Amino acid sequence: MPTYVRTDKCDGCKGQDKTACMYICPHDLMKLDKDGSETGHAMRAFNQEPEQCWECYSCVKICPQQAIECRHYADVVPLGGMVQPLRGSDSIMWTIKFRNGVLKRFKFPIRTTPEGSIDPYGNKPMPKMADIEQTGSFTRDMMGGYRAGNPAELIRISNRER
């Protein structure tokens, strides 16, 4: 089910040109209604294509006012239930409200890193074209040998069969 913005809580990220939810939405669904012509609420964000929402919770987690909520499927969150994240500087606190009123809270660390801070190749050497073109280069294990198997069992295709 899609996300929706509670207009009583949304402040349009204090009048900036681009709100936090607009910045983070991977599907570019969030939009700022600057003059109120689209929603009747000026300077409030809204989900312009609710049926296209992926329910990834990116906008819900990043909203500084906690103005964005997600309607859940009844089999995941029964009617009357709620799931709401609260993002801190180093963790996200998830609050789950069950339909009987019981609240549970879970805290998880934020594992994101600054852009460009990860070296995906680490200290690995650059591959050599001769090694890549060599037969079996992708089947060697870390010690330089070949994977277990009997070479006599391999299917050989002669040029005549091709």
N, C-alpha and C. Protein backbone atom coordinates (compact mmCIF):
# COMPACT_ATOMS: atom_id res chain seq x y z
N MET A 1 0.85 -1.17 0.00
CA MET A 1 0.00 0.00 0.00
C MET A 1 0.90 1.23 0.00
N PRO A 2 0.42 2.32 -0.50
CA PRO A 2 1.28 3.48 -0.70
C PRO A 2 1.51 4.31 0.56
N THR A 3 2.49 5.18 0.44
CA THR A 3 2.75 6.15 1.49
C THR A 3 1.79 7.32 1.32
N TYR A 4 1.57 8.03 2.40
CA TYR A 4 0.79 9.26 2.32
C TYR A 4 1.37 10.26 3.30
N VAL A 5 1.16 11.52 3.02
CA VAL A 5 1.71 12.60 3.83
C VAL A 5 0.62 13.18 4.71
N ARG A 6 0.90 13.29 5.98
CA ARG A 6 -0.03 13.95 6.91
C ARG A 6 0.24 15.44 6.82
N THR A 7 -0.66 16.16 6.19
CA THR A 7 -0.45 17.59 5.93
C THR A 7 -0.38 18.42 7.21
N ASP A 8 -0.96 17.92 8.30
CA ASP A 8 -0.89 18.67 9.56
C ASP A 8 0.52 18.62 10.16
N LYS A 9 1.33 17.64 9.77
CA LYS A 9 2.70 17.54 10.28
C LYS A 9 3.74 18.06 9.30
N CYS A 10 3.47 17.96 8.00
CA CYS A 10 4.45 18.33 6.98
C CYS A 10 4.66 19.85 6.96
N ASP A 11 5.93 20.25 6.92
CA ASP A 11 6.25 21.67 6.81
C ASP A 11 6.96 21.99 5.50
N GLY A 12 6.96 21.04 4.55
CA GLY A 12 7.62 21.26 3.27
C GLY A 12 9.11 21.42 3.41
N CYS A 13 9.67 20.82 4.45
CA CYS A 13 11.10 20.95 4.77
C CYS A 13 11.50 22.42 4.83
N LYS A 14 10.67 23.19 5.50
CA LYS A 14 10.91 24.60 5.78
C LYS A 14 11.09 25.45 4.53
N GLY A 15 10.28 25.16 3.51
CA GLY A 15 10.26 26.00 2.32
C GLY A 15 11.41 25.83 1.36
N GLN A 16 12.13 24.72 1.45
CA GLN A 16 13.22 24.49 0.50
C GLN A 16 12.66 24.11 -0.86
N ASP A 17 13.50 24.22 -1.89
CA ASP A 17 13.05 23.87 -3.24
C ASP A 17 12.77 22.38 -3.38
N LYS A 18 13.54 21.56 -2.66
CA LYS A 18 13.38 20.11 -2.74
C LYS A 18 13.32 19.55 -1.33
N THR A 19 12.26 18.80 -1.05
CA THR A 19 12.11 18.22 0.29
C THR A 19 12.97 16.97 0.43
N ALA A 20 13.14 16.52 1.67
CA ALA A 20 13.93 15.32 1.92
C ALA A 20 13.30 14.10 1.25
N CYS A 21 11.98 14.01 1.28
CA CYS A 21 11.32 12.85 0.66
C CYS A 21 11.46 12.88 -0.86
N MET A 22 11.47 14.06 -1.45
CA MET A 22 11.69 14.17 -2.90
C MET A 22 13.10 13.71 -3.25
N TYR A 23 14.05 14.06 -2.41
CA TYR A 23 15.45 13.70 -2.64
C TYR A 23 15.66 12.19 -2.56
N ILE A 24 15.03 11.53 -1.60
CA ILE A 24 15.33 10.13 -1.31
C ILE A 24 14.48 9.13 -2.09
N CYS A 25 13.33 9.51 -2.59
CA CYS A 25 12.42 8.55 -3.25
C CYS A 25 13.08 7.94 -4.49
N PRO A 26 13.26 6.62 -4.52
CA PRO A 26 13.92 5.99 -5.67
C PRO A 26 13.07 6.00 -6.93
N HIS A 27 11.79 6.25 -6.80
CA HIS A 27 10.89 6.24 -7.96
C HIS A 27 10.42 7.65 -8.33
N ASP A 28 10.96 8.67 -7.66
CA ASP A 28 10.61 10.08 -7.89
C ASP A 28 9.11 10.34 -7.81
N LEU A 29 8.48 9.81 -6.77
CA LEU A 29 7.04 9.96 -6.62
C LEU A 29 6.64 11.15 -5.76
N MET A 30 7.51 11.57 -4.87
CA MET A 30 7.16 12.65 -3.96
C MET A 30 7.31 14.00 -4.66
N LYS A 31 6.38 14.89 -4.38
CA LYS A 31 6.36 16.20 -5.03
C LYS A 31 5.96 17.25 -4.00
N LEU A 32 6.47 18.45 -4.17
CA LEU A 32 6.13 19.57 -3.29
C LEU A 32 5.08 20.43 -3.97
N ASP A 33 3.94 20.60 -3.32
CA ASP A 33 2.87 21.45 -3.84
C ASP A 33 3.13 22.86 -3.32
N LYS A 34 3.83 23.66 -4.11
CA LYS A 34 4.28 24.98 -3.66
C LYS A 34 3.14 25.96 -3.42
N ASP A 35 2.15 25.96 -4.32
CA ASP A 35 1.07 26.95 -4.20
C ASP A 35 -0.25 26.37 -3.71
N GLY A 36 -0.31 25.07 -3.49
CA GLY A 36 -1.54 24.45 -3.01
C GLY A 36 -2.53 24.12 -4.09
N SER A 37 -2.17 24.28 -5.35
CA SER A 37 -3.11 24.05 -6.45
C SER A 37 -3.40 22.57 -6.68
N GLU A 38 -2.50 21.68 -6.27
CA GLU A 38 -2.70 20.25 -6.54
C GLU A 38 -3.35 19.51 -5.38
N THR A 39 -3.10 19.94 -4.16
CA THR A 39 -3.64 19.22 -3.00
C THR A 39 -4.51 20.09 -2.10
N GLY A 40 -4.45 21.39 -2.29
CA GLY A 40 -5.17 22.29 -1.40
C GLY A 40 -4.36 22.68 -0.18
N HIS A 41 -3.11 22.23 -0.11
CA HIS A 41 -2.23 22.54 1.02
C HIS A 41 -0.92 23.07 0.46
N ALA A 42 -0.69 24.36 0.58
CA ALA A 42 0.53 24.97 0.05
C ALA A 42 1.75 24.54 0.85
N MET A 43 2.86 24.38 0.15
CA MET A 43 4.16 24.01 0.72
C MET A 43 4.10 22.70 1.52
N ARG A 44 3.39 21.73 0.97
CA ARG A 44 3.31 20.40 1.56
C ARG A 44 3.69 19.38 0.50
N ALA A 45 4.40 18.35 0.92
CA ALA A 45 4.77 17.28 0.00
C ALA A 45 3.60 16.31 -0.16
N PHE A 46 3.59 15.59 -1.26
CA PHE A 46 2.57 14.56 -1.46
C PHE A 46 3.10 13.51 -2.43
N ASN A 47 2.48 12.34 -2.38
CA ASN A 47 2.84 11.24 -3.27
C ASN A 47 1.99 11.39 -4.53
N GLN A 48 2.63 11.75 -5.65
CA GLN A 48 1.88 12.07 -6.86
C GLN A 48 1.38 10.83 -7.61
N GLU A 49 1.93 9.65 -7.37
CA GLU A 49 1.50 8.41 -8.02
C GLU A 49 1.44 7.30 -6.97
N PRO A 50 0.45 7.30 -6.08
CA PRO A 50 0.42 6.31 -4.98
C PRO A 50 0.47 4.86 -5.45
N GLU A 51 -0.15 4.56 -6.57
CA GLU A 51 -0.18 3.17 -7.03
C GLU A 51 1.19 2.68 -7.51
N GLN A 52 2.13 3.61 -7.73
CA GLN A 52 3.48 3.24 -8.17
C GLN A 52 4.46 3.09 -7.00
N CYS A 53 4.01 3.35 -5.80
CA CYS A 53 4.90 3.33 -4.62
C CYS A 53 5.41 1.92 -4.37
N TRP A 54 6.71 1.82 -4.09
CA TRP A 54 7.36 0.53 -3.83
C TRP A 54 7.31 0.16 -2.35
N GLU A 55 6.82 1.02 -1.49
CA GLU A 55 6.81 0.83 -0.04
C GLU A 55 8.20 0.52 0.50
N CYS A 56 9.18 1.25 0.04
CA CYS A 56 10.56 1.02 0.47
C CYS A 56 10.87 1.70 1.80
N TYR A 57 10.00 2.59 2.24
CA TYR A 57 10.12 3.31 3.51
C TYR A 57 11.23 4.35 3.52
N SER A 58 11.86 4.63 2.39
CA SER A 58 12.92 5.64 2.38
C SER A 58 12.38 7.00 2.81
N CYS A 59 11.25 7.41 2.25
CA CYS A 59 10.68 8.72 2.59
C CYS A 59 10.19 8.75 4.03
N VAL A 60 9.64 7.63 4.49
CA VAL A 60 9.13 7.57 5.86
C VAL A 60 10.28 7.74 6.85
N LYS A 61 11.41 7.09 6.57
CA LYS A 61 12.55 7.15 7.48
C LYS A 61 13.25 8.50 7.47
N ILE A 62 13.28 9.17 6.31
CA ILE A 62 14.05 10.42 6.22
C ILE A 62 13.25 11.65 6.66
N CYS A 63 11.94 11.58 6.70
CA CYS A 63 11.13 12.76 7.01
C CYS A 63 11.44 13.28 8.42
N PRO A 64 11.93 14.53 8.52
CA PRO A 64 12.29 15.08 9.84
C PRO A 64 11.07 15.35 10.72
N GLN A 65 9.90 15.49 10.13
CA GLN A 65 8.69 15.78 10.91
C GLN A 65 7.84 14.54 11.20
N GLN A 66 8.27 13.38 10.71
CA GLN A 66 7.49 12.15 10.80
C GLN A 66 6.09 12.34 10.23
N ALA A 67 6.03 13.04 9.10
CA ALA A 67 4.75 13.35 8.49
C ALA A 67 4.31 12.32 7.46
N ILE A 68 5.17 11.37 7.12
CA ILE A 68 4.84 10.39 6.09
C ILE A 68 4.57 9.04 6.75
N GLU A 69 3.45 8.45 6.38
CA GLU A 69 3.08 7.14 6.90
C GLU A 69 2.78 6.23 5.72
N CYS A 70 2.68 4.95 6.02
CA CYS A 70 2.44 3.96 4.97
C CYS A 70 1.21 3.16 5.34
N ARG A 71 0.28 3.03 4.39
CA ARG A 71 -0.87 2.16 4.60
C ARG A 71 -0.41 0.73 4.34
N HIS A 72 -0.66 -0.14 5.27
CA HIS A 72 -0.15 -1.51 5.15
C HIS A 72 -1.24 -2.47 4.71
N TYR A 73 -0.79 -3.57 4.14
CA TYR A 73 -1.72 -4.64 3.80
C TYR A 73 -2.19 -5.30 5.10
N ALA A 74 -3.45 -5.71 5.13
CA ALA A 74 -4.04 -6.25 6.35
C ALA A 74 -3.38 -7.54 6.81
N ASP A 75 -2.79 -8.32 5.89
CA ASP A 75 -2.15 -9.56 6.31
C ASP A 75 -0.78 -9.30 6.94
N VAL A 76 -0.17 -8.16 6.66
CA VAL A 76 1.12 -7.81 7.25
C VAL A 76 0.92 -7.04 8.55
N VAL A 77 0.12 -6.01 8.50
CA VAL A 77 -0.20 -5.21 9.68
C VAL A 77 -1.72 -5.17 9.78
N PRO A 78 -2.30 -5.91 10.73
CA PRO A 78 -3.76 -5.95 10.84
C PRO A 78 -4.36 -4.56 11.03
N LEU A 79 -5.63 -4.42 10.67
CA LEU A 79 -6.31 -3.14 10.78
C LEU A 79 -6.16 -2.57 12.19
N GLY A 80 -5.82 -1.32 12.26
CA GLY A 80 -5.60 -0.67 13.54
C GLY A 80 -4.16 -0.70 13.98
N GLY A 81 -3.32 -1.44 13.28
CA GLY A 81 -1.91 -1.51 13.60
C GLY A 81 -1.14 -0.40 12.90
N MET A 82 0.12 -0.24 13.31
CA MET A 82 0.94 0.83 12.73
C MET A 82 2.41 0.46 12.86
N VAL A 83 3.19 0.84 11.87
CA VAL A 83 4.64 0.70 11.92
C VAL A 83 5.22 2.06 11.58
N GLN A 84 6.05 2.61 12.47
CA GLN A 84 6.59 3.95 12.24
C GLN A 84 8.06 3.99 12.65
N PRO A 85 8.95 4.34 11.71
CA PRO A 85 10.36 4.48 12.07
C PRO A 85 10.68 5.90 12.52
N LEU A 86 11.67 6.03 13.39
CA LEU A 86 12.17 7.33 13.81
C LEU A 86 13.68 7.28 13.64
N ARG A 87 14.18 8.09 12.72
CA ARG A 87 15.60 8.06 12.40
C ARG A 87 16.37 9.00 13.32
N GLY A 88 17.42 8.46 13.92
CA GLY A 88 18.35 9.26 14.71
C GLY A 88 19.62 9.45 13.91
N SER A 89 20.67 9.93 14.54
CA SER A 89 21.93 10.13 13.82
C SER A 89 22.69 8.83 13.61
N ASP A 90 22.50 7.86 14.50
CA ASP A 90 23.24 6.61 14.37
C ASP A 90 22.36 5.36 14.38
N SER A 91 21.04 5.53 14.52
CA SER A 91 20.15 4.37 14.57
C SER A 91 18.74 4.74 14.12
N ILE A 92 17.95 3.71 13.86
CA ILE A 92 16.53 3.88 13.53
C ILE A 92 15.72 3.13 14.57
N MET A 93 14.79 3.82 15.19
CA MET A 93 13.91 3.21 16.18
C MET A 93 12.58 2.91 15.50
N TRP A 94 12.24 1.64 15.41
CA TRP A 94 10.97 1.22 14.83
C TRP A 94 9.95 1.05 15.94
N THR A 95 8.81 1.72 15.81
CA THR A 95 7.71 1.56 16.77
C THR A 95 6.60 0.79 16.08
N ILE A 96 6.20 -0.31 16.68
CA ILE A 96 5.13 -1.13 16.12
C ILE A 96 3.97 -1.10 17.10
N LYS A 97 2.82 -0.68 16.60
CA LYS A 97 1.62 -0.64 17.43
C LYS A 97 0.68 -1.72 16.91
N PHE A 98 0.34 -2.65 17.78
CA PHE A 98 -0.60 -3.70 17.41
C PHE A 98 -2.02 -3.19 17.60
N ARG A 99 -2.97 -3.85 16.98
CA ARG A 99 -4.34 -3.34 17.05
C ARG A 99 -4.93 -3.42 18.45
N ASN A 100 -4.33 -4.22 19.34
CA ASN A 100 -4.81 -4.26 20.72
C ASN A 100 -4.16 -3.17 21.58
N GLY A 101 -3.34 -2.30 20.95
CA GLY A 101 -2.74 -1.18 21.65
C GLY A 101 -1.33 -1.42 22.18
N VAL A 102 -0.86 -2.66 22.11
CA VAL A 102 0.49 -2.98 22.60
C VAL A 102 1.53 -2.33 21.69
N LEU A 103 2.51 -1.68 22.30
CA LEU A 103 3.60 -1.05 21.55
C LEU A 103 4.88 -1.85 21.74
N LYS A 104 5.61 -2.03 20.66
CA LYS A 104 6.94 -2.65 20.71
C LYS A 104 7.89 -1.72 19.98
N ARG A 105 9.10 -1.60 20.51
CA ARG A 105 10.10 -0.75 19.88
C ARG A 105 11.37 -1.55 19.65
N PHE A 106 11.96 -1.34 18.48
CA PHE A 106 13.20 -2.00 18.11
C PHE A 106 14.17 -0.95 17.61
N LYS A 107 15.41 -1.06 18.03
CA LYS A 107 16.42 -0.09 17.61
C LYS A 107 17.49 -0.82 16.80
N PHE A 108 17.77 -0.29 15.60
CA PHE A 108 18.76 -0.87 14.72
C PHE A 108 19.78 0.19 14.32
N PRO A 109 21.05 -0.16 14.23
CA PRO A 109 22.07 0.83 13.82
C PRO A 109 21.93 1.19 12.34
N ILE A 110 22.30 2.40 12.01
CA ILE A 110 22.34 2.83 10.61
C ILE A 110 23.70 2.40 10.07
N ARG A 111 23.69 1.67 8.97
CA ARG A 111 24.93 1.12 8.44
C ARG A 111 25.39 1.82 7.17
N THR A 112 24.81 2.94 6.84
CA THR A 112 25.23 3.63 5.63
C THR A 112 26.59 4.28 5.85
N THR A 113 27.31 4.47 4.77
CA THR A 113 28.64 5.08 4.82
C THR A 113 28.65 6.27 3.87
N PRO A 114 29.57 7.19 4.06
CA PRO A 114 29.65 8.34 3.15
C PRO A 114 29.93 7.88 1.71
N GLU A 115 29.34 8.60 0.77
CA GLU A 115 29.51 8.24 -0.64
C GLU A 115 30.98 8.27 -1.01
N GLY A 116 31.43 7.21 -1.68
CA GLY A 116 32.81 7.11 -2.13
C GLY A 116 33.78 6.58 -1.09
N SER A 117 33.29 6.25 0.11
CA SER A 117 34.20 5.80 1.16
C SER A 117 34.53 4.31 1.08
N ILE A 118 33.81 3.56 0.27
CA ILE A 118 34.06 2.13 0.16
C ILE A 118 34.88 1.84 -1.09
N ASP A 119 35.93 1.06 -0.92
CA ASP A 119 36.76 0.63 -2.05
C ASP A 119 36.35 -0.81 -2.37
N PRO A 120 35.53 -1.03 -3.41
CA PRO A 120 35.01 -2.37 -3.67
C PRO A 120 36.09 -3.39 -4.02
N TYR A 121 37.23 -2.93 -4.52
CA TYR A 121 38.29 -3.86 -4.90
C TYR A 121 39.32 -4.04 -3.81
N GLY A 122 39.27 -3.24 -2.77
CA GLY A 122 40.19 -3.38 -1.65
C GLY A 122 41.63 -3.41 -2.09
N ASN A 123 42.36 -4.37 -1.59
CA ASN A 123 43.77 -4.52 -1.94
C ASN A 123 43.98 -5.59 -3.00
N LYS A 124 42.97 -5.88 -3.77
CA LYS A 124 43.07 -6.90 -4.81
C LYS A 124 43.87 -6.36 -5.98
N PRO A 125 44.71 -7.20 -6.59
CA PRO A 125 45.50 -6.74 -7.74
C PRO A 125 44.62 -6.57 -8.97
N MET A 126 45.04 -5.71 -9.87
CA MET A 126 44.32 -5.52 -11.13
C MET A 126 44.45 -6.79 -11.96
N PRO A 127 43.37 -7.24 -12.59
CA PRO A 127 43.46 -8.45 -13.41
C PRO A 127 44.28 -8.20 -14.68
N LYS A 128 44.95 -9.24 -15.12
CA LYS A 128 45.72 -9.16 -16.36
C LYS A 128 44.91 -9.81 -17.46
N MET A 129 44.92 -9.20 -18.63
CA MET A 129 44.13 -9.72 -19.75
C MET A 129 44.55 -11.15 -20.10
N ALA A 130 45.84 -11.46 -19.98
CA ALA A 130 46.31 -12.81 -20.29
C ALA A 130 45.68 -13.83 -19.34
N ASP A 131 45.52 -13.45 -18.06
CA ASP A 131 44.90 -14.36 -17.10
C ASP A 131 43.42 -14.55 -17.40
N ILE A 132 42.75 -13.49 -17.82
CA ILE A 132 41.32 -13.57 -18.11
C ILE A 132 41.07 -14.46 -19.32
N GLU A 133 41.93 -14.35 -20.33
CA GLU A 133 41.74 -15.15 -21.55
C GLU A 133 42.16 -16.60 -21.38
N GLN A 134 42.89 -16.91 -20.33
CA GLN A 134 43.37 -18.26 -20.10
C GLN A 134 42.20 -19.19 -19.75
N THR A 135 42.20 -20.38 -20.31
CA THR A 135 41.15 -21.36 -20.05
C THR A 135 41.11 -21.69 -18.56
N GLY A 136 39.92 -21.66 -18.00
CA GLY A 136 39.75 -22.02 -16.59
C GLY A 136 40.02 -20.90 -15.61
N SER A 137 40.21 -19.69 -16.09
CA SER A 137 40.56 -18.61 -15.16
C SER A 137 39.45 -18.29 -14.17
N PHE A 138 38.20 -18.56 -14.52
CA PHE A 138 37.09 -18.26 -13.62
C PHE A 138 36.72 -19.44 -12.74
N THR A 139 37.40 -20.58 -12.90
CA THR A 139 37.07 -21.74 -12.08
C THR A 139 38.14 -22.05 -11.06
N ARG A 140 39.17 -21.24 -10.98
CA ARG A 140 40.21 -21.46 -9.98
C ARG A 140 39.73 -20.98 -8.62
N ASP A 141 40.14 -21.70 -7.60
CA ASP A 141 39.80 -21.22 -6.26
C ASP A 141 40.87 -20.25 -5.78
N MET A 142 40.79 -19.84 -4.55
CA MET A 142 41.71 -18.83 -4.02
C MET A 142 43.16 -19.31 -3.97
N MET A 143 43.39 -20.63 -3.90
CA MET A 143 44.74 -21.16 -3.80
C MET A 143 45.38 -21.40 -5.16
N GLY A 144 44.71 -21.09 -6.24
CA GLY A 144 45.29 -21.23 -7.57
C GLY A 144 44.99 -22.55 -8.25
N GLY A 145 44.26 -23.45 -7.59
CA GLY A 145 43.94 -24.74 -8.21
C GLY A 145 42.61 -24.67 -8.93
N TYR A 146 42.15 -25.81 -9.43
CA TYR A 146 40.86 -25.89 -10.09
C TYR A 146 39.84 -26.48 -9.15
N ARG A 147 38.57 -26.22 -9.43
CA ARG A 147 37.52 -26.80 -8.61
C ARG A 147 37.55 -28.32 -8.74
N ALA A 148 37.03 -28.99 -7.73
CA ALA A 148 37.02 -30.46 -7.75
C ALA A 148 36.21 -30.96 -8.94
N GLY A 149 36.66 -32.01 -9.55
CA GLY A 149 35.99 -32.60 -10.69
C GLY A 149 36.99 -33.38 -11.52
N ASN A 150 36.51 -34.30 -12.26
CA ASN A 150 37.36 -35.14 -13.09
C ASN A 150 37.37 -34.57 -14.50
N PRO A 151 38.52 -34.10 -15.01
CA PRO A 151 38.57 -33.53 -16.35
C PRO A 151 38.13 -34.51 -17.43
N ALA A 152 38.25 -35.80 -17.18
CA ALA A 152 37.83 -36.80 -18.17
C ALA A 152 36.32 -36.82 -18.34
N GLU A 153 35.59 -36.29 -17.34
CA GLU A 153 34.13 -36.28 -17.41
C GLU A 153 33.58 -35.09 -18.19
N LEU A 154 34.43 -34.17 -18.58
CA LEU A 154 33.97 -32.99 -19.31
C LEU A 154 33.48 -33.37 -20.69
N ILE A 155 32.46 -32.69 -21.15
CA ILE A 155 31.94 -32.92 -22.49
C ILE A 155 32.79 -32.12 -23.46
N ARG A 156 33.33 -32.79 -24.43
CA ARG A 156 34.16 -32.14 -25.43
C ARG A 156 33.35 -31.99 -26.71
N ILE A 157 33.36 -30.80 -27.29
CA ILE A 157 32.66 -30.55 -28.55
C ILE A 157 33.72 -30.33 -29.61
N SER A 158 33.68 -31.16 -30.59
CA SER A 158 34.65 -31.00 -31.68
C SER A 158 34.14 -29.94 -32.64
N ASN A 159 35.01 -29.45 -33.49
CA ASN A 159 34.63 -28.43 -34.47
C ASN A 159 33.58 -28.95 -35.44
N ARG A 160 33.58 -30.28 -35.72
CA ARG A 160 32.61 -30.85 -36.67
C ARG A 160 31.20 -30.82 -36.11
N GLU A 161 31.03 -30.89 -34.79
CA GLU A 161 29.70 -30.93 -34.17
C GLU A 161 29.07 -29.55 -34.04
N ARG A 162 29.80 -28.50 -34.20
CA ARG A 162 29.29 -27.14 -33.99
C ARG A 162 28.47 -26.68 -35.11
